[in-house]
């Protein structure tokens, strides 16, 4: 009975959020709609990282590189190869997944910290190529004024497009996490040695998880192009990946909704504190220190921890 009440509350909450996301552009200034769209894109990206980090126990320290690859794939296919926008948007996540497969194949044989260090090195190699190849990628200038179809030329139109794609992507990721593959991935996170002893191919499952996470990061990169109509090398820089890592930790990296909440907090803080200071990295460092000491399970993990005693109390009263 109690679980039924919880399910009903979650459905009601999701319905309210859905209605709010649809109605907000009608009553909210365009700037805040842009920020909300950016939060949705970043939330999808953070959740794709948490698919391998929180649920897979894989220390993917340079996840932002797959986001940047997806964005640049769209930009280059449209501006250099004259590929139709819809085809570029479809192909971009597969390009990111391919890069994830290549990087993952090299890194998967290492564990934890060494995995993360090698991935940072390989990701930084891609970043420096994008940063220096002026003739093809625009170098540190990036690529701007990327042509979009007429129905995506306004902020509100791009926002609704992003809402639809992100909703589908989140639903698919949730189903993946709840699937037998997701359960196996979490078992590998908790005890890889025991999984190996019962015949689970740990490296194989982890590599698949990296490819899936890279695919969804590529979707987020493509959506960023739809919103901004520009790309730049900082999207692939390791410092941005650190922000994504903090988003997962801040929201709660063992929960599904945690990274979404973390993305909303970090994007909002970065947007509004930039009016007063240029030292965003310092603020991010302070947030990380406070998390380690006071909220090691993140905001969502803390709230769920507070909620669990209530479930026990209800059960005892029955």
C-alpha atoms as a PDB file:
ATOM      1  CA  UNK A   1       0.000   0.000   0.000  1.00  0.00           C
ATOM      2  CA  UNK A   2       2.737   2.444   0.954  1.00  0.00           C
ATOM      3  CA  UNK A   3       4.658   1.726  -2.228  1.00  0.00           C
ATOM      4  CA  UNK A   4       1.499   2.440  -4.185  1.00  0.00           C
ATOM      5  CA  UNK A   5       1.186   5.825  -2.477  1.00  0.00           C
ATOM      6  CA  UNK A   6       4.805   6.625  -3.327  1.00  0.00           C
ATOM      7  CA  UNK A   7       4.296   5.624  -6.962  1.00  0.00           C
ATOM      8  CA  UNK A   8       1.194   7.821  -7.140  1.00  0.00           C
ATOM      9  CA  UNK A   9       3.098  10.760  -5.677  1.00  0.00           C
ATOM     10  CA  UNK A  10       5.930  10.325  -8.173  1.00  0.00           C
ATOM     11  CA  UNK A  11       3.483  10.146 -11.084  1.00  0.00           C
ATOM     12  CA  UNK A  12       1.692  13.246  -9.828  1.00  0.00           C
ATOM     13  CA  UNK A  13       5.022  15.067  -9.438  1.00  0.00           C
ATOM     14  CA  UNK A  14       6.141  14.103 -12.936  1.00  0.00           C
ATOM     15  CA  UNK A  15       2.808  15.248 -14.352  1.00  0.00           C
ATOM     16  CA  UNK A  16       3.173  18.627 -12.625  1.00  0.00           C
ATOM     17  CA  UNK A  17       6.725  19.002 -13.913  1.00  0.00           C
ATOM     18  CA  UNK A  18       5.589  18.138 -17.438  1.00  0.00           C
ATOM     19  CA  UNK A  19       2.761  20.693 -17.326  1.00  0.00           C
ATOM     20  CA  UNK A  20       5.120  23.332 -15.935  1.00  0.00           C
ATOM     21  CA  UNK A  21       7.700  22.703 -18.677  1.00  0.00           C
ATOM     22  CA  UNK A  22       5.006  23.158 -21.325  1.00  0.00           C
ATOM     23  CA  UNK A  23       3.415  26.268 -19.810  1.00  0.00           C
ATOM     24  CA  UNK A  24       6.545  28.155 -18.681  1.00  0.00           C
ATOM     25  CA  UNK A  25       7.484  29.644 -22.100  1.00  0.00           C
ATOM     26  CA  UNK A  26       4.050  31.298 -22.209  1.00  0.00           C
ATOM     27  CA  UNK A  27       4.574  33.247 -18.980  1.00  0.00           C
ATOM     28  CA  UNK A  28       8.366  33.482 -18.534  1.00  0.00           C
ATOM     29  CA  UNK A  29      10.903  35.893 -20.112  1.00  0.00           C
ATOM     30  CA  UNK A  30      13.021  34.438 -22.918  1.00  0.00           C
ATOM     31  CA  UNK A  31      16.264  34.604 -20.909  1.00  0.00           C
ATOM     32  CA  UNK A  32      14.933  32.233 -18.250  1.00  0.00           C
ATOM     33  CA  UNK A  33      13.604  29.869 -20.917  1.00  0.00           C
ATOM     34  CA  UNK A  34      17.112  29.777 -22.377  1.00  0.00           C
ATOM     35  CA  UNK A  35      18.570  28.962 -18.944  1.00  0.00           C
ATOM     36  CA  UNK A  36      15.976  26.235 -18.417  1.00  0.00           C
ATOM     37  CA  UNK A  37      16.776  24.729 -21.824  1.00  0.00           C
ATOM     38  CA  UNK A  38      20.474  24.770 -20.945  1.00  0.00           C
ATOM     39  CA  UNK A  39      19.688  23.056 -17.642  1.00  0.00           C
ATOM     40  CA  UNK A  40      17.793  20.301 -19.473  1.00  0.00           C
ATOM     41  CA  UNK A  41      20.673  19.716 -21.890  1.00  0.00           C
ATOM     42  CA  UNK A  42      23.183  19.654 -19.033  1.00  0.00           C
ATOM     43  CA  UNK A  43      20.934  17.381 -16.972  1.00  0.00           C
ATOM     44  CA  UNK A  44      20.905  14.811 -19.775  1.00  0.00           C
ATOM     45  CA  UNK A  45      24.687  15.071 -20.004  1.00  0.00           C
ATOM     46  CA  UNK A  46      25.156  14.680 -16.233  1.00  0.00           C
ATOM     47  CA  UNK A  47      22.812  11.699 -16.165  1.00  0.00           C
ATOM     48  CA  UNK A  48      24.738  10.068 -19.008  1.00  0.00           C
ATOM     49  CA  UNK A  49      27.896  10.426 -16.902  1.00  0.00           C
ATOM     50  CA  UNK A  50      26.149   9.021 -13.854  1.00  0.00           C
ATOM     51  CA  UNK A  51      25.104   5.969 -15.888  1.00  0.00           C
ATOM     52  CA  UNK A  52      28.735   4.830 -15.769  1.00  0.00           C
ATOM     53  CA  UNK A  53      29.842   6.652 -12.609  1.00  0.00           C
ATOM     54  CA  UNK A  54      27.084   6.127 -10.072  1.00  0.00           C
ATOM     55  CA  UNK A  55      25.502   2.973 -11.491  1.00  0.00           C
ATOM     56  CA  UNK A  56      28.611   1.422 -13.041  1.00  0.00           C
ATOM     57  CA  UNK A  57      31.393   2.504 -10.676  1.00  0.00           C
ATOM     58  CA  UNK A  58      33.501   3.617 -13.665  1.00  0.00           C
ATOM     59  CA  UNK A  59      35.582   6.733 -12.982  1.00  0.00           C
ATOM     60  CA  UNK A  60      34.932   8.561 -16.251  1.00  0.00           C
ATOM     61  CA  UNK A  61      36.807  11.803 -15.513  1.00  0.00           C
ATOM     62  CA  UNK A  62      36.647  13.263 -19.036  1.00  0.00           C
ATOM     63  CA  UNK A  63      33.051  12.618 -20.028  1.00  0.00           C
ATOM     64  CA  UNK A  64      32.695  16.101 -21.502  1.00  0.00           C
ATOM     65  CA  UNK A  65      34.757  15.080 -24.521  1.00  0.00           C
ATOM     66  CA  UNK A  66      31.846  12.959 -25.830  1.00  0.00           C
ATOM     67  CA  UNK A  67      29.513  15.931 -25.394  1.00  0.00           C
ATOM     68  CA  UNK A  68      31.890  18.101 -27.412  1.00  0.00           C
ATOM     69  CA  UNK A  69      32.327  15.444 -30.089  1.00  0.00           C
ATOM     70  CA  UNK A  70      28.540  15.231 -30.543  1.00  0.00           C
ATOM     71  CA  UNK A  71      28.254  19.011 -30.840  1.00  0.00           C
ATOM     72  CA  UNK A  72      31.168  19.313 -33.280  1.00  0.00           C
ATOM     73  CA  UNK A  73      29.858  16.381 -35.317  1.00  0.00           C
ATOM     74  CA  UNK A  74      26.599  18.258 -35.908  1.00  0.00           C
ATOM     75  CA  UNK A  75      28.377  21.540 -36.617  1.00  0.00           C
ATOM     76  CA  UNK A  76      30.911  20.070 -39.043  1.00  0.00           C
ATOM     77  CA  UNK A  77      28.414  17.894 -40.899  1.00  0.00           C
ATOM     78  CA  UNK A  78      26.128  20.886 -41.466  1.00  0.00           C
ATOM     79  CA  UNK A  79      28.769  23.529 -42.262  1.00  0.00           C
ATOM     80  CA  UNK A  80      31.458  21.463 -44.000  1.00  0.00           C
ATOM     81  CA  UNK A  81      29.574  18.569 -45.609  1.00  0.00           C
ATOM     82  CA  UNK A  82      26.169  20.230 -46.146  1.00  0.00           C
ATOM     83  CA  UNK A  83      24.450  17.288 -44.470  1.00  0.00           C
ATOM     84  CA  UNK A  84      20.737  17.921 -43.732  1.00  0.00           C
ATOM     85  CA  UNK A  85      20.263  19.045 -40.130  1.00  0.00           C
ATOM     86  CA  UNK A  86      18.029  16.096 -39.215  1.00  0.00           C
ATOM     87  CA  UNK A  87      20.580  13.581 -40.475  1.00  0.00           C
ATOM     88  CA  UNK A  88      23.400  15.385 -38.652  1.00  0.00           C
ATOM     89  CA  UNK A  89      21.393  15.211 -35.420  1.00  0.00           C
ATOM     90  CA  UNK A  90      20.809  11.482 -35.891  1.00  0.00           C
ATOM     91  CA  UNK A  91      24.440  10.671 -36.741  1.00  0.00           C
ATOM     92  CA  UNK A  92      26.096  12.825 -34.038  1.00  0.00           C
ATOM     93  CA  UNK A  93      25.323  10.486 -31.083  1.00  0.00           C
ATOM     94  CA  UNK A  94      26.717   7.549 -33.061  1.00  0.00           C
ATOM     95  CA  UNK A  95      29.939   9.495 -33.682  1.00  0.00           C
ATOM     96  CA  UNK A  96      30.202  10.106 -29.921  1.00  0.00           C
ATOM     97  CA  UNK A  97      29.489   6.435 -29.250  1.00  0.00           C
ATOM     98  CA  UNK A  98      32.256   5.441 -31.688  1.00  0.00           C
ATOM     99  CA  UNK A  99      34.745   7.714 -29.900  1.00  0.00           C
ATOM    100  CA  UNK A 100      33.538   6.245 -26.605  1.00  0.00           C
ATOM    101  CA  UNK A 101      34.158   2.748 -27.956  1.00  0.00           C
ATOM    102  CA  UNK A 102      37.720   3.616 -29.029  1.00  0.00           C
ATOM    103  CA  UNK A 103      38.654   5.403 -25.795  1.00  0.00           C
ATOM    104  CA  UNK A 104      36.867   2.798 -23.682  1.00  0.00           C
ATOM    105  CA  UNK A 105      38.700  -0.053 -25.447  1.00  0.00           C
ATOM    106  CA  UNK A 106      42.038   1.425 -24.385  1.00  0.00           C
ATOM    107  CA  UNK A 107      40.969   2.397 -20.859  1.00  0.00           C
ATOM    108  CA  UNK A 108      38.788  -0.522 -19.790  1.00  0.00           C
ATOM    109  CA  UNK A 109      41.744  -2.748 -18.947  1.00  0.00           C
ATOM    110  CA  UNK A 110      42.764  -0.324 -16.213  1.00  0.00           C
ATOM    111  CA  UNK A 111      40.957   0.235 -12.948  1.00  0.00           C
ATOM    112  CA  UNK A 112      39.505   3.266 -11.210  1.00  0.00           C
ATOM    113  CA  UNK A 113      42.094   6.054 -10.918  1.00  0.00           C
ATOM    114  CA  UNK A 114      44.313   4.748 -13.728  1.00  0.00           C
ATOM    115  CA  UNK A 115      41.265   4.424 -15.975  1.00  0.00           C
ATOM    116  CA  UNK A 116      40.374   8.059 -15.274  1.00  0.00           C
ATOM    117  CA  UNK A 117      43.916   9.309 -15.852  1.00  0.00           C
ATOM    118  CA  UNK A 118      44.228   7.568 -19.233  1.00  0.00           C
ATOM    119  CA  UNK A 119      40.815   8.832 -20.292  1.00  0.00           C
ATOM    120  CA  UNK A 120      41.794  12.409 -19.404  1.00  0.00           C
ATOM    121  CA  UNK A 121      44.933  11.995 -21.538  1.00  0.00           C
ATOM    122  CA  UNK A 122      43.066  10.618 -24.562  1.00  0.00           C
ATOM    123  CA  UNK A 123      40.265  13.159 -24.187  1.00  0.00           C
ATOM    124  CA  UNK A 124      42.783  15.993 -23.957  1.00  0.00           C
ATOM    125  CA  UNK A 125      44.337  14.743 -27.199  1.00  0.00           C
ATOM    126  CA  UNK A 126      40.976  15.176 -28.943  1.00  0.00           C
ATOM    127  CA  UNK A 127      40.585  18.609 -27.337  1.00  0.00           C
ATOM    128  CA  UNK A 128      43.982  19.837 -28.564  1.00  0.00           C
ATOM    129  CA  UNK A 129      43.201  18.649 -32.113  1.00  0.00           C
ATOM    130  CA  UNK A 130      39.945  20.610 -32.083  1.00  0.00           C
ATOM    131  CA  UNK A 131      41.650  23.592 -30.440  1.00  0.00           C
ATOM    132  CA  UNK A 132      44.493  23.804 -32.987  1.00  0.00           C
ATOM    133  CA  UNK A 133      42.927  22.676 -36.269  1.00  0.00           C
ATOM    134  CA  UNK A 134      41.800  26.110 -37.464  1.00  0.00           C
ATOM    135  CA  UNK A 135      41.138  25.097 -41.072  1.00  0.00           C
ATOM    136  CA  UNK A 136      38.624  22.403 -40.102  1.00  0.00           C
ATOM    137  CA  UNK A 137      37.246  23.079 -36.604  1.00  0.00           C
ATOM    138  CA  UNK A 138      37.819  26.835 -36.388  1.00  0.00           C
ATOM    139  CA  UNK A 139      40.391  26.356 -33.632  1.00  0.00           C
ATOM    140  CA  UNK A 140      39.834  28.355 -30.467  1.00  0.00           C
ATOM    141  CA  UNK A 141      37.268  30.504 -32.303  1.00  0.00           C
ATOM    142  CA  UNK A 142      34.866  27.592 -32.604  1.00  0.00           C
ATOM    143  CA  UNK A 143      32.079  27.451 -35.169  1.00  0.00           C
ATOM    144  CA  UNK A 144      29.279  30.022 -35.080  1.00  0.00           C
ATOM    145  CA  UNK A 145      26.029  30.831 -36.903  1.00  0.00           C
ATOM    146  CA  UNK A 146      25.314  27.181 -37.636  1.00  0.00           C
ATOM    147  CA  UNK A 147      22.200  27.111 -39.851  1.00  0.00           C
ATOM    148  CA  UNK A 148      19.145  25.535 -38.247  1.00  0.00           C
ATOM    149  CA  UNK A 149      15.700  24.776 -39.719  1.00  0.00           C
ATOM    150  CA  UNK A 150      13.125  27.555 -39.509  1.00  0.00           C
ATOM    151  CA  UNK A 151      11.178  25.895 -36.683  1.00  0.00           C
ATOM    152  CA  UNK A 152      14.280  25.973 -34.437  1.00  0.00           C
ATOM    153  CA  UNK A 153      15.260  29.604 -34.958  1.00  0.00           C
ATOM    154  CA  UNK A 154      13.626  30.943 -31.777  1.00  0.00           C
ATOM    155  CA  UNK A 155      14.538  30.168 -28.166  1.00  0.00           C
ATOM    156  CA  UNK A 156      11.047  28.878 -27.344  1.00  0.00           C
ATOM    157  CA  UNK A 157      11.019  26.556 -30.355  1.00  0.00           C
ATOM    158  CA  UNK A 158      14.456  25.163 -29.477  1.00  0.00           C
ATOM    159  CA  UNK A 159      13.266  24.782 -25.880  1.00  0.00           C
ATOM    160  CA  UNK A 160      10.259  22.649 -26.829  1.00  0.00           C
ATOM    161  CA  UNK A 161      12.443  20.541 -29.128  1.00  0.00           C
ATOM    162  CA  UNK A 162      14.912  19.994 -26.272  1.00  0.00           C
ATOM    163  CA  UNK A 163      12.118  19.120 -23.817  1.00  0.00           C
ATOM    164  CA  UNK A 164      10.799  16.425 -26.160  1.00  0.00           C
ATOM    165  CA  UNK A 165      14.175  14.847 -26.921  1.00  0.00           C
ATOM    166  CA  UNK A 166      15.375  14.978 -23.293  1.00  0.00           C
ATOM    167  CA  UNK A 167      12.130  13.396 -22.042  1.00  0.00           C
ATOM    168  CA  UNK A 168      12.548  10.462 -24.452  1.00  0.00           C
ATOM    169  CA  UNK A 169      16.261  10.101 -23.610  1.00  0.00           C
ATOM    170  CA  UNK A 170      15.615  10.115 -19.852  1.00  0.00           C
ATOM    171  CA  UNK A 171      12.888   7.489 -20.228  1.00  0.00           C
ATOM    172  CA  UNK A 172      15.213   5.236 -22.232  1.00  0.00           C
ATOM    173  CA  UNK A 173      18.029   5.661 -19.705  1.00  0.00           C
ATOM    174  CA  UNK A 174      15.678   4.858 -16.834  1.00  0.00           C
ATOM    175  CA  UNK A 175      14.572   1.659 -18.586  1.00  0.00           C
ATOM    176  CA  UNK A 176      18.209   0.727 -19.201  1.00  0.00           C
ATOM    177  CA  UNK A 177      19.070   1.195 -15.530  1.00  0.00           C
ATOM    178  CA  UNK A 178      16.067  -0.927 -14.481  1.00  0.00           C
ATOM    179  CA  UNK A 179      16.850  -3.613 -17.075  1.00  0.00           C
ATOM    180  CA  UNK A 180      18.865  -6.812 -16.402  1.00  0.00           C
ATOM    181  CA  UNK A 181      21.863  -5.073 -17.978  1.00  0.00           C
ATOM    182  CA  UNK A 182      21.498  -2.191 -15.511  1.00  0.00           C
ATOM    183  CA  UNK A 183      21.220  -4.615 -12.603  1.00  0.00           C
ATOM    184  CA  UNK A 184      24.362  -6.431 -13.774  1.00  0.00           C
ATOM    185  CA  UNK A 185      26.193  -3.120 -14.115  1.00  0.00           C
ATOM    186  CA  UNK A 186      25.334  -2.173 -10.535  1.00  0.00           C
ATOM    187  CA  UNK A 187      26.429  -5.603  -9.335  1.00  0.00           C
ATOM    188  CA  UNK A 188      29.778  -5.044 -11.080  1.00  0.00           C
ATOM    189  CA  UNK A 189      30.050  -1.692  -9.341  1.00  0.00           C
ATOM    190  CA  UNK A 190      29.496  -3.280  -5.943  1.00  0.00           C
ATOM    191  CA  UNK A 191      31.649  -6.392  -6.365  1.00  0.00           C
ATOM    192  CA  UNK A 192      33.410  -6.975  -9.705  1.00  0.00           C
ATOM    193  CA  UNK A 193      35.373  -9.965  -8.406  1.00  0.00           C
ATOM    194  CA  UNK A 194      32.238 -11.840  -7.412  1.00  0.00           C
ATOM    195  CA  UNK A 195      30.633 -11.057 -10.777  1.00  0.00           C
ATOM    196  CA  UNK A 196      33.647 -12.471 -12.572  1.00  0.00           C
ATOM    197  CA  UNK A 197      33.479 -15.597 -10.427  1.00  0.00           C
ATOM    198  CA  UNK A 198      29.908 -16.316 -11.598  1.00  0.00           C
ATOM    199  CA  UNK A 199      30.797 -15.860 -15.266  1.00  0.00           C
ATOM    200  CA  UNK A 200      30.004 -12.181 -15.925  1.00  0.00           C
ATOM    201  CA  UNK A 201      32.337 -10.545 -18.460  1.00  0.00           C
ATOM    202  CA  UNK A 202      33.068  -7.381 -16.473  1.00  0.00           C
ATOM    203  CA  UNK A 203      35.107  -5.578 -19.128  1.00  0.00           C
ATOM    204  CA  UNK A 204      32.506  -6.321 -21.787  1.00  0.00           C
ATOM    205  CA  UNK A 205      29.654  -4.873 -19.713  1.00  0.00           C
ATOM    206  CA  UNK A 206      31.672  -1.816 -18.727  1.00  0.00           C
ATOM    207  CA  UNK A 207      32.630  -1.105 -22.330  1.00  0.00           C
ATOM    208  CA  UNK A 208      28.985  -1.326 -23.411  1.00  0.00           C
ATOM    209  CA  UNK A 209      28.057   1.064 -20.583  1.00  0.00           C
ATOM    210  CA  UNK A 210      30.696   3.566 -21.750  1.00  0.00           C
ATOM    211  CA  UNK A 211      29.382   3.401 -25.326  1.00  0.00           C
ATOM    212  CA  UNK A 212      25.795   3.946 -24.122  1.00  0.00           C
ATOM    213  CA  UNK A 213      26.836   6.877 -21.931  1.00  0.00           C
ATOM    214  CA  UNK A 214      28.815   8.385 -24.817  1.00  0.00           C
ATOM    215  CA  UNK A 215      25.785   8.034 -27.092  1.00  0.00           C
ATOM    216  CA  UNK A 216      23.549  10.022 -24.741  1.00  0.00           C
ATOM    217  CA  UNK A 217      26.299  12.591 -24.210  1.00  0.00           C
ATOM    218  CA  UNK A 218      26.331  12.994 -28.000  1.00  0.00           C
ATOM    219  CA  UNK A 219      22.576  13.649 -27.949  1.00  0.00           C
ATOM    220  CA  UNK A 220      23.167  16.387 -25.360  1.00  0.00           C
ATOM    221  CA  UNK A 221      25.881  17.892 -27.568  1.00  0.00           C
ATOM    222  CA  UNK A 222      23.548  17.935 -30.579  1.00  0.00           C
ATOM    223  CA  UNK A 223      20.841  19.619 -28.487  1.00  0.00           C
ATOM    224  CA  UNK A 224      23.343  22.266 -27.396  1.00  0.00           C
ATOM    225  CA  UNK A 225      23.881  23.165 -31.058  1.00  0.00           C
ATOM    226  CA  UNK A 226      20.110  23.468 -31.536  1.00  0.00           C
ATOM    227  CA  UNK A 227      20.019  25.921 -28.631  1.00  0.00           C
ATOM    228  CA  UNK A 228      23.218  27.925 -29.196  1.00  0.00           C
ATOM    229  CA  UNK A 229      23.847  27.427 -32.942  1.00  0.00           C
ATOM    230  CA  UNK A 230      27.560  27.471 -32.121  1.00  0.00           C
ATOM    231  CA  UNK A 231      30.291  25.231 -30.682  1.00  0.00           C
ATOM    232  CA  UNK A 232      33.641  25.944 -29.025  1.00  0.00           C
ATOM    233  CA  UNK A 233      36.643  23.900 -27.776  1.00  0.00           C
ATOM    234  CA  UNK A 234      35.942  24.518 -24.078  1.00  0.00           C
ATOM    235  CA  UNK A 235      33.155  21.954 -24.382  1.00  0.00           C
ATOM    236  CA  UNK A 236      35.849  19.265 -24.646  1.00  0.00           C
ATOM    237  CA  UNK A 237      38.164  20.668 -21.944  1.00  0.00           C
ATOM    238  CA  UNK A 238      38.737  18.599 -18.805  1.00  0.00           C
ATOM    239  CA  UNK A 239      37.584  21.431 -16.485  1.00  0.00           C
ATOM    240  CA  UNK A 240      34.048  21.144 -17.833  1.00  0.00           C
ATOM    241  CA  UNK A 241      34.109  17.409 -17.106  1.00  0.00           C
ATOM    242  CA  UNK A 242      34.962  18.308 -13.515  1.00  0.00           C
ATOM    243  CA  UNK A 243      31.758  20.356 -13.362  1.00  0.00           C
ATOM    244  CA  UNK A 244      29.802  17.325 -14.550  1.00  0.00           C
ATOM    245  CA  UNK A 245      31.446  15.203 -11.873  1.00  0.00           C
ATOM    246  CA  UNK A 246      30.418  17.731  -9.204  1.00  0.00           C
ATOM    247  CA  UNK A 247      26.836  17.747 -10.563  1.00  0.00           C
ATOM    248  CA  UNK A 248      26.581  14.002  -9.998  1.00  0.00           C
ATOM    249  CA  UNK A 249      28.077  14.234  -6.517  1.00  0.00           C
ATOM    250  CA  UNK A 250      25.968  17.250  -5.559  1.00  0.00           C
ATOM    251  CA  UNK A 251      22.674  15.750  -6.647  1.00  0.00           C
ATOM    252  CA  UNK A 252      23.406  12.208  -5.509  1.00  0.00           C
ATOM    253  CA  UNK A 253      25.339   9.796  -7.693  1.00  0.00           C
ATOM    254  CA  UNK A 254      23.521   6.665  -6.533  1.00  0.00           C
ATOM    255  CA  UNK A 255      20.119   8.061  -7.557  1.00  0.00           C
ATOM    256  CA  UNK A 256      18.493   8.594 -10.938  1.00  0.00           C
ATOM    257  CA  UNK A 257      17.167  12.116 -10.327  1.00  0.00           C
ATOM    258  CA  UNK A 258      20.239  13.294  -8.407  1.00  0.00           C
ATOM    259  CA  UNK A 259      22.363  14.386 -11.408  1.00  0.00           C
ATOM    260  CA  UNK A 260      19.359  16.265 -12.828  1.00  0.00           C
ATOM    261  CA  UNK A 261      19.054  18.227  -9.590  1.00  0.00           C
ATOM    262  CA  UNK A 262      22.817  18.743  -9.461  1.00  0.00           C
ATOM    263  CA  UNK A 263      22.853  20.063 -13.039  1.00  0.00           C
ATOM    264  CA  UNK A 264      20.073  22.527 -12.239  1.00  0.00           C
ATOM    265  CA  UNK A 265      21.935  23.850  -9.181  1.00  0.00           C
ATOM    266  CA  UNK A 266      25.338  24.165 -10.882  1.00  0.00           C
ATOM    267  CA  UNK A 267      24.029  25.780 -14.099  1.00  0.00           C
ATOM    268  CA  UNK A 268      21.940  28.256 -12.115  1.00  0.00           C
ATOM    269  CA  UNK A 269      24.855  29.105  -9.805  1.00  0.00           C
ATOM    270  CA  UNK A 270      27.288  29.503 -12.714  1.00  0.00           C
ATOM    271  CA  UNK A 271      24.861  31.731 -14.609  1.00  0.00           C
ATOM    272  CA  UNK A 272      23.993  34.107 -11.803  1.00  0.00           C
ATOM    273  CA  UNK A 273      27.358  34.239 -10.004  1.00  0.00           C
ATOM    274  CA  UNK A 274      29.107  35.159 -13.280  1.00  0.00           C
ATOM    275  CA  UNK A 275      27.538  38.599 -12.904  1.00  0.00           C
ATOM    276  CA  UNK A 276      29.585  39.221  -9.778  1.00  0.00           C
ATOM    277  CA  UNK A 277      32.826  37.245 -10.126  1.00  0.00           C
ATOM    278  CA  UNK A 278      35.069  35.532 -12.671  1.00  0.00           C
ATOM    279  CA  UNK A 279      36.288  32.964 -10.140  1.00  0.00           C
ATOM    280  CA  UNK A 280      33.712  30.264 -10.890  1.00  0.00           C
ATOM    281  CA  UNK A 281      36.304  27.503 -10.553  1.00  0.00           C
ATOM    282  CA  UNK A 282      37.016  28.631  -6.974  1.00  0.00           C
ATOM    283  CA  UNK A 283      33.311  28.480  -6.151  1.00  0.00           C
ATOM    284  CA  UNK A 284      33.116  24.998  -7.687  1.00  0.00           C
ATOM    285  CA  UNK A 285      36.048  23.890  -5.513  1.00  0.00           C
ATOM    286  CA  UNK A 286      34.329  25.184  -2.366  1.00  0.00           C
ATOM    287  CA  UNK A 287      31.136  23.313  -3.326  1.00  0.00           C
ATOM    288  CA  UNK A 288      33.138  20.102  -3.772  1.00  0.00           C
ATOM    289  CA  UNK A 289      34.811  20.478  -0.365  1.00  0.00           C
ATOM    290  CA  UNK A 290      31.464  21.120   1.365  1.00  0.00           C
ATOM    291  CA  UNK A 291      29.993  18.077  -0.372  1.00  0.00           C
ATOM    292  CA  UNK A 292      32.772  15.810   0.839  1.00  0.00           C
ATOM    293  CA  UNK A 293      32.340  16.913   4.454  1.00  0.00           C
ATOM    294  CA  UNK A 294      28.578  17.456   4.805  1.00  0.00           C
ATOM    295  CA  UNK A 295      26.705  15.712   1.949  1.00  0.00           C
ATOM    296  CA  UNK A 296      28.762  12.729   0.749  1.00  0.00           C
ATOM    297  CA  UNK A 297      25.613  11.114  -0.698  1.00  0.00           C
ATOM    298  CA  UNK A 298      24.419  14.320  -2.376  1.00  0.00           C
ATOM    299  CA  UNK A 299      21.250  16.320  -1.911  1.00  0.00           C
ATOM    300  CA  UNK A 300      18.931  13.639  -3.305  1.00  0.00           C
ATOM    301  CA  UNK A 301      20.710  10.908  -1.370  1.00  0.00           C
ATOM    302  CA  UNK A 302      20.335  12.955   1.815  1.00  0.00           C
ATOM    303  CA  UNK A 303      16.615  13.490   1.221  1.00  0.00           C
ATOM    304  CA  UNK A 304      16.029   9.808   0.483  1.00  0.00           C
ATOM    305  CA  UNK A 305      17.989   8.904   3.605  1.00  0.00           C
ATOM    306  CA  UNK A 306      15.718  11.145   5.636  1.00  0.00           C
ATOM    307  CA  UNK A 307      12.685   9.559   4.032  1.00  0.00           C
ATOM    308  CA  UNK A 308      13.620   5.926   4.772  1.00  0.00           C
ATOM    309  CA  UNK A 309      12.978   6.081   8.560  1.00  0.00           C
ATOM    310  CA  UNK A 310       9.453   7.263   7.775  1.00  0.00           C
ATOM    311  CA  UNK A 311       8.817   4.131   5.718  1.00  0.00           C
ATOM    312  CA  UNK A 312       9.958   1.958   8.615  1.00  0.00           C
ATOM    313  CA  UNK A 313       7.757   3.911  11.003  1.00  0.00           C
ATOM    314  CA  UNK A 314       4.711   3.466   8.785  1.00  0.00           C
ATOM    315  CA  UNK A 315       5.389  -0.251   8.539  1.00  0.00           C
ATOM    316  CA  UNK A 316       5.688  -0.576  12.301  1.00  0.00           C
ATOM    317  CA  UNK A 317       2.387   1.256  12.872  1.00  0.00           C
ATOM    318  CA  UNK A 318       0.657  -1.205  10.611  1.00  0.00           C
END
